[in-house]
Protein backbone atom coordinates (compact mmCIF):
# COMPACT_ATOMS: atom_id res chain seq x y z
CA MET A 1 -13.46 21.63 0.06
CA ALA A 2 -11.21 22.47 -2.69
CA LYS A 3 -12.14 22.85 -6.44
CA ASP A 4 -10.43 20.59 -9.37
CA PRO A 5 -8.90 23.14 -11.56
CA VAL A 6 -9.52 20.96 -14.54
CA CYS A 7 -13.01 20.03 -14.17
CA LYS A 8 -14.28 22.63 -11.52
CA MET A 9 -15.80 19.70 -9.18
CA GLU A 10 -15.64 20.10 -5.47
CA VAL A 11 -12.92 17.82 -3.54
CA ASP A 12 -12.81 17.19 0.03
CA GLU A 13 -9.13 18.10 0.81
CA ASN A 14 -9.47 15.43 3.50
CA THR A 15 -10.42 12.52 1.43
CA ALA A 16 -9.09 13.67 -2.21
CA LYS A 17 -7.16 10.47 -3.35
CA TYR A 18 -5.20 12.63 -6.50
CA LYS A 19 -3.24 15.15 -5.80
CA THR A 20 -0.24 17.46 -6.70
CA GLU A 21 2.07 20.53 -5.98
CA HIS A 22 2.79 23.18 -8.30
CA MET A 23 4.68 26.29 -7.16
CA GLY A 24 4.03 25.99 -3.77
CA LYS A 25 0.33 25.29 -3.35
CA THR A 26 -1.41 21.77 -3.29
CA TYR A 27 -4.29 21.18 -6.05
CA TYR A 28 -7.00 18.22 -5.57
CA PHE A 29 -8.43 16.45 -8.36
CA CYS A 30 -11.55 13.97 -8.38
CA ALA A 31 -9.94 11.49 -10.62
CA PRO A 32 -6.35 10.57 -12.30
CA GLY A 33 -7.33 11.76 -15.74
CA CYS A 34 -7.77 15.22 -14.29
CA LYS A 35 -4.38 15.55 -12.33
CA ALA A 36 -2.61 13.82 -15.25
CA ALA A 37 -4.04 16.63 -17.41
CA PHE A 38 -3.23 19.46 -15.02
CA GLU A 39 0.39 18.03 -14.70
CA LYS A 40 0.72 17.94 -18.47
CA ASP A 41 -0.01 21.63 -18.64
CA PRO A 42 -0.50 23.36 -15.07
CA HIS A 43 -0.15 26.82 -16.31
CA LYS A 44 -3.50 26.18 -18.67
CA TYR A 45 -6.09 25.59 -15.64
CA MET A 46 -4.55 27.77 -12.77
CA HIS A 47 -6.23 31.04 -13.95
CA MET A 48 -9.49 29.11 -14.93
């Protein structure tokens, strides 16, 4: 299980509909809003 970096929900990497890559790492999201927030300002969420 991965943790959504925006809302901190647990997300199954195998079934996640929303994901993005940033600096060579894949991030998984529970919803399109979390993915959009991360993509707008990824550094805001990377070290939380």
